[in-house]
Amino acid sequence: MSLIITQDCINCDMCEPECPNEAIAMGKSIYEIDTALCTECEGYYDSPACIAVCPLDCIEPLN
């Protein structure tokens, strides 16, 4: 499983430092999640840390 960041991202930098897998990085215009690295924080937290800190709720599961 993996997460994605939608175009609603405002580059607030809240999510990147929370990722234990270093799967979040700045893309061309918004932060992006490397789906090969994202584990939705399994083994680290009970739920994805990036979702918990995102002020706009713009991080969602990849369909």
PDB file of N, CA and C in Angstrom:
ATOM      1  N   MET A   1       0.840  -1.183   0.000  1.00  0.00           N
ATOM      2  CA  MET A   1       0.000   0.000   0.000  1.00  0.00           C
ATOM      3  C   MET A   1       0.879   1.239   0.000  1.00  0.00           C
ATOM      4  N   SER A   2       0.291   2.317  -0.445  1.00  0.00           N
ATOM      5  CA  SER A   2       1.029   3.559  -0.526  1.00  0.00           C
ATOM      6  C   SER A   2       0.064   4.728  -0.480  1.00  0.00           C
ATOM      7  N   LEU A   3       0.620   5.898  -0.276  1.00  0.00           N
ATOM      8  CA  LEU A   3      -0.156   7.127  -0.224  1.00  0.00           C
ATOM      9  C   LEU A   3       0.299   8.063  -1.332  1.00  0.00           C
ATOM     10  N   ILE A   4      -0.542   9.040  -1.646  1.00  0.00           N
ATOM     11  CA  ILE A   4      -0.180  10.091  -2.597  1.00  0.00           C
ATOM     12  C   ILE A   4      -0.546  11.442  -1.998  1.00  0.00           C
ATOM     13  N   ILE A   5       0.084  12.478  -2.495  1.00  0.00           N
ATOM     14  CA  ILE A   5      -0.231  13.845  -2.096  1.00  0.00           C
ATOM     15  C   ILE A   5      -0.947  14.498  -3.264  1.00  0.00           C
ATOM     16  N   THR A   6      -2.110  15.075  -2.990  1.00  0.00           N
ATOM     17  CA  THR A   6      -2.908  15.683  -4.052  1.00  0.00           C
ATOM     18  C   THR A   6      -2.404  17.085  -4.384  1.00  0.00           C
ATOM     19  N   GLN A   7      -2.950  17.655  -5.445  1.00  0.00           N
ATOM     20  CA  GLN A   7      -2.583  18.995  -5.902  1.00  0.00           C
ATOM     21  C   GLN A   7      -2.971  20.088  -4.906  1.00  0.00           C
ATOM     22  N   ASP A   8      -3.724  19.738  -3.859  1.00  0.00           N
ATOM     23  CA  ASP A   8      -4.103  20.714  -2.836  1.00  0.00           C
ATOM     24  C   ASP A   8      -2.937  21.064  -1.919  1.00  0.00           C
ATOM     25  N   CYS A   9      -1.827  20.352  -2.033  1.00  0.00           N
ATOM     26  CA  CYS A   9      -0.649  20.569  -1.199  1.00  0.00           C
ATOM     27  C   CYS A   9      -0.172  22.020  -1.304  1.00  0.00           C
ATOM     28  N   ILE A  10       0.162  22.616  -0.140  1.00  0.00           N
ATOM     29  CA  ILE A  10       0.660  23.995  -0.119  1.00  0.00           C
ATOM     30  C   ILE A  10       2.142  24.046   0.270  1.00  0.00           C
ATOM     31  N   ASN A  11       2.814  22.897   0.250  1.00  0.00           N
ATOM     32  CA  ASN A  11       4.248  22.823   0.566  1.00  0.00           C
ATOM     33  C   ASN A  11       4.567  23.357   1.962  1.00  0.00           C
ATOM     34  N   CYS A  12       3.763  22.970   2.922  1.00  0.00           N
ATOM     35  CA  CYS A  12       3.943  23.466   4.287  1.00  0.00           C
ATOM     36  C   CYS A  12       5.113  22.795   5.005  1.00  0.00           C
ATOM     37  N   ASP A  13       5.625  21.689   4.455  1.00  0.00           N
ATOM     38  CA  ASP A  13       6.778  20.976   5.009  1.00  0.00           C
ATOM     39  C   ASP A  13       6.482  20.248   6.316  1.00  0.00           C
ATOM     40  N   MET A  14       5.234  19.968   6.581  1.00  0.00           N
ATOM     41  CA  MET A  14       4.889  19.232   7.806  1.00  0.00           C
ATOM     42  C   MET A  14       5.091  17.729   7.635  1.00  0.00           C
ATOM     43  N   CYS A  15       4.850  17.211   6.461  1.00  0.00           N
ATOM     44  CA  CYS A  15       4.873  15.765   6.238  1.00  0.00           C
ATOM     45  C   CYS A  15       6.272  15.176   6.088  1.00  0.00           C
ATOM     46  N   GLU A  16       7.143  15.865   5.383  1.00  0.00           N
ATOM     47  CA  GLU A  16       8.455  15.303   5.056  1.00  0.00           C
ATOM     48  C   GLU A  16       9.242  14.824   6.278  1.00  0.00           C
ATOM     49  N   PRO A  17       9.390  15.631   7.322  1.00  0.00           N
ATOM     50  CA  PRO A  17      10.186  15.163   8.465  1.00  0.00           C
ATOM     51  C   PRO A  17       9.515  14.049   9.275  1.00  0.00           C
ATOM     52  N   GLU A  18       8.226  13.849   9.092  1.00  0.00           N
ATOM     53  CA  GLU A  18       7.503  12.814   9.838  1.00  0.00           C
ATOM     54  C   GLU A  18       7.655  11.422   9.232  1.00  0.00           C
ATOM     55  N   CYS A  19       8.080  11.331   7.985  1.00  0.00           N
ATOM     56  CA  CYS A  19       8.136  10.045   7.287  1.00  0.00           C
ATOM     57  C   CYS A  19       9.334   9.211   7.751  1.00  0.00           C
ATOM     58  N   PRO A  20       9.092   8.054   8.369  1.00  0.00           N
ATOM     59  CA  PRO A  20      10.194   7.221   8.840  1.00  0.00           C
ATOM     60  C   PRO A  20      10.943   6.511   7.711  1.00  0.00           C
ATOM     61  N   ASN A  21      10.354   6.470   6.536  1.00  0.00           N
ATOM     62  CA  ASN A  21      10.959   5.789   5.387  1.00  0.00           C
ATOM     63  C   ASN A  21      11.624   6.751   4.404  1.00  0.00           C
ATOM     64  N   GLU A  22      11.599   8.033   4.722  1.00  0.00           N
ATOM     65  CA  GLU A  22      12.127   9.065   3.824  1.00  0.00           C
ATOM     66  C   GLU A  22      11.530   8.954   2.424  1.00  0.00           C
ATOM     67  N   ALA A  23      10.233   8.674   2.384  1.00  0.00           N
ATOM     68  CA  ALA A  23       9.529   8.502   1.111  1.00  0.00           C
ATOM     69  C   ALA A  23       8.966   9.810   0.569  1.00  0.00           C
ATOM     70  N   ILE A  24       8.994  10.872   1.351  1.00  0.00           N
ATOM     71  CA  ILE A  24       8.423  12.149   0.931  1.00  0.00           C
ATOM     72  C   ILE A  24       9.541  13.126   0.587  1.00  0.00           C
ATOM     73  N   ALA A  25       9.417  13.745  -0.582  1.00  0.00           N
ATOM     74  CA  ALA A  25      10.408  14.732  -1.017  1.00  0.00           C
ATOM     75  C   ALA A  25       9.714  15.782  -1.878  1.00  0.00           C
ATOM     76  N   MET A  26      10.350  16.919  -2.010  1.00  0.00           N
ATOM     77  CA  MET A  26       9.800  17.981  -2.848  1.00  0.00           C
ATOM     78  C   MET A  26       9.881  17.568  -4.304  1.00  0.00           C
ATOM     79  N   GLY A  27       8.753  17.674  -5.002  1.00  0.00           N
ATOM     80  CA  GLY A  27       8.700  17.385  -6.430  1.00  0.00           C
ATOM     81  C   GLY A  27       8.839  18.677  -7.217  1.00  0.00           C
ATOM     82  N   LYS A  28       8.318  18.693  -8.444  1.00  0.00           N
ATOM     83  CA  LYS A  28       8.406  19.890  -9.287  1.00  0.00           C
ATOM     84  C   LYS A  28       7.664  21.074  -8.677  1.00  0.00           C
ATOM     85  N   SER A  29       6.459  20.816  -8.149  1.00  0.00           N
ATOM     86  CA  SER A  29       5.684  21.925  -7.601  1.00  0.00           C
ATOM     87  C   SER A  29       5.108  21.645  -6.210  1.00  0.00           C
ATOM     88  N   ILE A  30       4.961  20.386  -5.863  1.00  0.00           N
ATOM     89  CA  ILE A  30       4.446  20.004  -4.546  1.00  0.00           C
ATOM     90  C   ILE A  30       5.256  18.828  -4.017  1.00  0.00           C
ATOM     91  N   TYR A  31       5.058  18.525  -2.739  1.00  0.00           N
ATOM     92  CA  TYR A  31       5.706  17.349  -2.186  1.00  0.00           C
ATOM     93  C   TYR A  31       5.122  16.102  -2.847  1.00  0.00           C
ATOM     94  N   GLU A  32       5.957  15.070  -2.982  1.00  0.00           N
ATOM     95  CA  GLU A  32       5.533  13.817  -3.593  1.00  0.00           C
ATOM     96  C   GLU A  32       5.956  12.656  -2.700  1.00  0.00           C
ATOM     97  N   ILE A  33       5.221  11.564  -2.791  1.00  0.00           N
ATOM     98  CA  ILE A  33       5.536  10.362  -2.038  1.00  0.00           C
ATOM     99  C   ILE A  33       6.036   9.295  -2.998  1.00  0.00           C
ATOM    100  N   ASP A  34       7.205   8.760  -2.712  1.00  0.00           N
ATOM    101  CA  ASP A  34       7.771   7.664  -3.505  1.00  0.00           C
ATOM    102  C   ASP A  34       7.009   6.393  -3.113  1.00  0.00           C
ATOM    103  N   THR A  35       6.180   5.902  -4.013  1.00  0.00           N
ATOM    104  CA  THR A  35       5.332   4.754  -3.701  1.00  0.00           C
ATOM    105  C   THR A  35       6.128   3.482  -3.440  1.00  0.00           C
ATOM    106  N   ALA A  36       7.347   3.421  -3.920  1.00  0.00           N
ATOM    107  CA  ALA A  36       8.198   2.255  -3.673  1.00  0.00           C
ATOM    108  C   ALA A  36       8.721   2.242  -2.233  1.00  0.00           C
ATOM    109  N   LEU A  37       8.756   3.412  -1.597  1.00  0.00           N
ATOM    110  CA  LEU A  37       9.262   3.502  -0.227  1.00  0.00           C
ATOM    111  C   LEU A  37       8.162   3.605   0.824  1.00  0.00           C
ATOM    112  N   CYS A  38       6.995   4.099   0.441  1.00  0.00           N
ATOM    113  CA  CYS A  38       5.908   4.318   1.392  1.00  0.00           C
ATOM    114  C   CYS A  38       5.307   2.996   1.869  1.00  0.00           C
ATOM    115  N   THR A  39       5.246   2.854   3.189  1.00  0.00           N
ATOM    116  CA  THR A  39       4.615   1.672   3.810  1.00  0.00           C
ATOM    117  C   THR A  39       3.429   2.075   4.662  1.00  0.00           C
ATOM    118  N   GLU A  40       2.993   3.336   4.543  1.00  0.00           N
ATOM    119  CA  GLU A  40       1.944   3.907   5.373  1.00  0.00           C
ATOM    120  C   GLU A  40       2.311   3.781   6.854  1.00  0.00           C
ATOM    121  N   CYS A  41       3.606   3.860   7.137  1.00  0.00           N
ATOM    122  CA  CYS A  41       4.180   3.835   8.491  1.00  0.00           C
ATOM    123  C   CYS A  41       3.999   2.503   9.215  1.00  0.00           C
ATOM    124  N   GLU A  42       3.690   1.456   8.470  1.00  0.00           N
ATOM    125  CA  GLU A  42       3.543   0.135   9.081  1.00  0.00           C
ATOM    126  C   GLU A  42       4.855  -0.255   9.761  1.00  0.00           C
ATOM    127  N   GLY A  43       4.752  -0.669  11.002  1.00  0.00           N
ATOM    128  CA  GLY A  43       5.921  -1.030  11.778  1.00  0.00           C
ATOM    129  C   GLY A  43       6.512   0.130  12.559  1.00  0.00           C
ATOM    130  N   TYR A  44       6.036   1.337  12.304  1.00  0.00           N
ATOM    131  CA  TYR A  44       6.510   2.530  13.012  1.00  0.00           C
ATOM    132  C   TYR A  44       5.414   3.159  13.861  1.00  0.00           C
ATOM    133  N   TYR A  45       4.249   3.383  13.239  1.00  0.00           N
ATOM    134  CA  TYR A  45       3.137   4.055  13.902  1.00  0.00           C
ATOM    135  C   TYR A  45       1.846   3.274  13.635  1.00  0.00           C
ATOM    136  N   ASP A  46       0.821   3.577  14.421  1.00  0.00           N
ATOM    137  CA  ASP A  46      -0.477   2.921  14.234  1.00  0.00           C
ATOM    138  C   ASP A  46      -1.190   3.387  12.973  1.00  0.00           C
ATOM    139  N   SER A  47      -0.869   4.593  12.524  1.00  0.00           N
ATOM    140  CA  SER A  47      -1.459   5.138  11.309  1.00  0.00           C
ATOM    141  C   SER A  47      -0.410   6.033  10.637  1.00  0.00           C
ATOM    142  N   PRO A  48      -0.602   6.369   9.368  1.00  0.00           N
ATOM    143  CA  PRO A  48       0.383   7.186   8.661  1.00  0.00           C
ATOM    144  C   PRO A  48       0.621   8.538   9.338  1.00  0.00           C
ATOM    145  N   ALA A  49       1.873   8.813   9.667  1.00  0.00           N
ATOM    146  CA  ALA A  49       2.236  10.059  10.350  1.00  0.00           C
ATOM    147  C   ALA A  49       1.987  11.281   9.483  1.00  0.00           C
ATOM    148  N   CYS A  50       2.213  11.159   8.190  1.00  0.00           N
ATOM    149  CA  CYS A  50       2.037  12.314   7.304  1.00  0.00           C
ATOM    150  C   CYS A  50       0.579  12.773   7.269  1.00  0.00           C
ATOM    151  N   ILE A  51      -0.333  11.832   7.277  1.00  0.00           N
ATOM    152  CA  ILE A  51      -1.758  12.173   7.286  1.00  0.00           C
ATOM    153  C   ILE A  51      -2.106  12.901   8.579  1.00  0.00           C
ATOM    154  N   ALA A  52      -1.539  12.456   9.683  1.00  0.00           N
ATOM    155  CA  ALA A  52      -1.833  13.056  10.986  1.00  0.00           C
ATOM    156  C   ALA A  52      -1.401  14.520  11.070  1.00  0.00           C
ATOM    157  N   VAL A  53      -0.323  14.889  10.384  1.00  0.00           N
ATOM    158  CA  VAL A  53       0.181  16.263  10.493  1.00  0.00           C
ATOM    159  C   VAL A  53      -0.240  17.180   9.347  1.00  0.00           C
ATOM    160  N   CYS A  54      -0.822  16.649   8.304  1.00  0.00           N
ATOM    161  CA  CYS A  54      -1.207  17.461   7.148  1.00  0.00           C
ATOM    162  C   CYS A  54      -2.376  18.395   7.501  1.00  0.00           C
ATOM    163  N   PRO A  55      -2.164  19.712   7.399  1.00  0.00           N
ATOM    164  CA  PRO A  55      -3.239  20.643   7.757  1.00  0.00           C
ATOM    165  C   PRO A  55      -4.369  20.720   6.736  1.00  0.00           C
ATOM    166  N   LEU A  56      -4.151  20.204   5.531  1.00  0.00           N
ATOM    167  CA  LEU A  56      -5.175  20.290   4.482  1.00  0.00           C
ATOM    168  C   LEU A  56      -5.810  18.957   4.124  1.00  0.00           C
ATOM    169  N   ASP A  57      -5.393  17.892   4.785  1.00  0.00           N
ATOM    170  CA  ASP A  57      -5.902  16.557   4.449  1.00  0.00           C
ATOM    171  C   ASP A  57      -5.737  16.250   2.969  1.00  0.00           C
ATOM    172  N   CYS A  58      -4.568  16.556   2.424  1.00  0.00           N
ATOM    173  CA  CYS A  58      -4.331  16.328   0.999  1.00  0.00           C
ATOM    174  C   CYS A  58      -3.488  15.086   0.738  1.00  0.00           C
ATOM    175  N   ILE A  59      -3.373  14.215   1.728  1.00  0.00           N
ATOM    176  CA  ILE A  59      -2.667  12.949   1.553  1.00  0.00           C
ATOM    177  C   ILE A  59      -3.713  11.846   1.628  1.00  0.00           C
ATOM    178  N   GLU A  60      -3.717  10.997   0.616  1.00  0.00           N
ATOM    179  CA  GLU A  60      -4.745   9.951   0.544  1.00  0.00           C
ATOM    180  C   GLU A  60      -4.175   8.655  -0.002  1.00  0.00           C
ATOM    181  N   PRO A  61      -4.887   7.552   0.204  1.00  0.00           N
ATOM    182  CA  PRO A  61      -4.416   6.266  -0.321  1.00  0.00           C
ATOM    183  C   PRO A  61      -4.363   6.260  -1.849  1.00  0.00           C
ATOM    184  N   LEU A  62      -3.357   5.587  -2.369  1.00  0.00           N
ATOM    185  CA  LEU A  62      -3.237   5.399  -3.808  1.00  0.00           C
ATOM    186  C   LEU A  62      -4.253   4.352  -4.231  1.00  0.00           C
ATOM    187  N   ASN A  63      -5.068   4.679  -5.215  1.00  0.00           N
ATOM    188  CA  ASN A  63      -6.118   3.731  -5.645  1.00  0.00           C
ATOM    189  C   ASN A  63      -5.591   2.736  -6.617  1.00  0.00           C
TER     190      ASN A  63
END
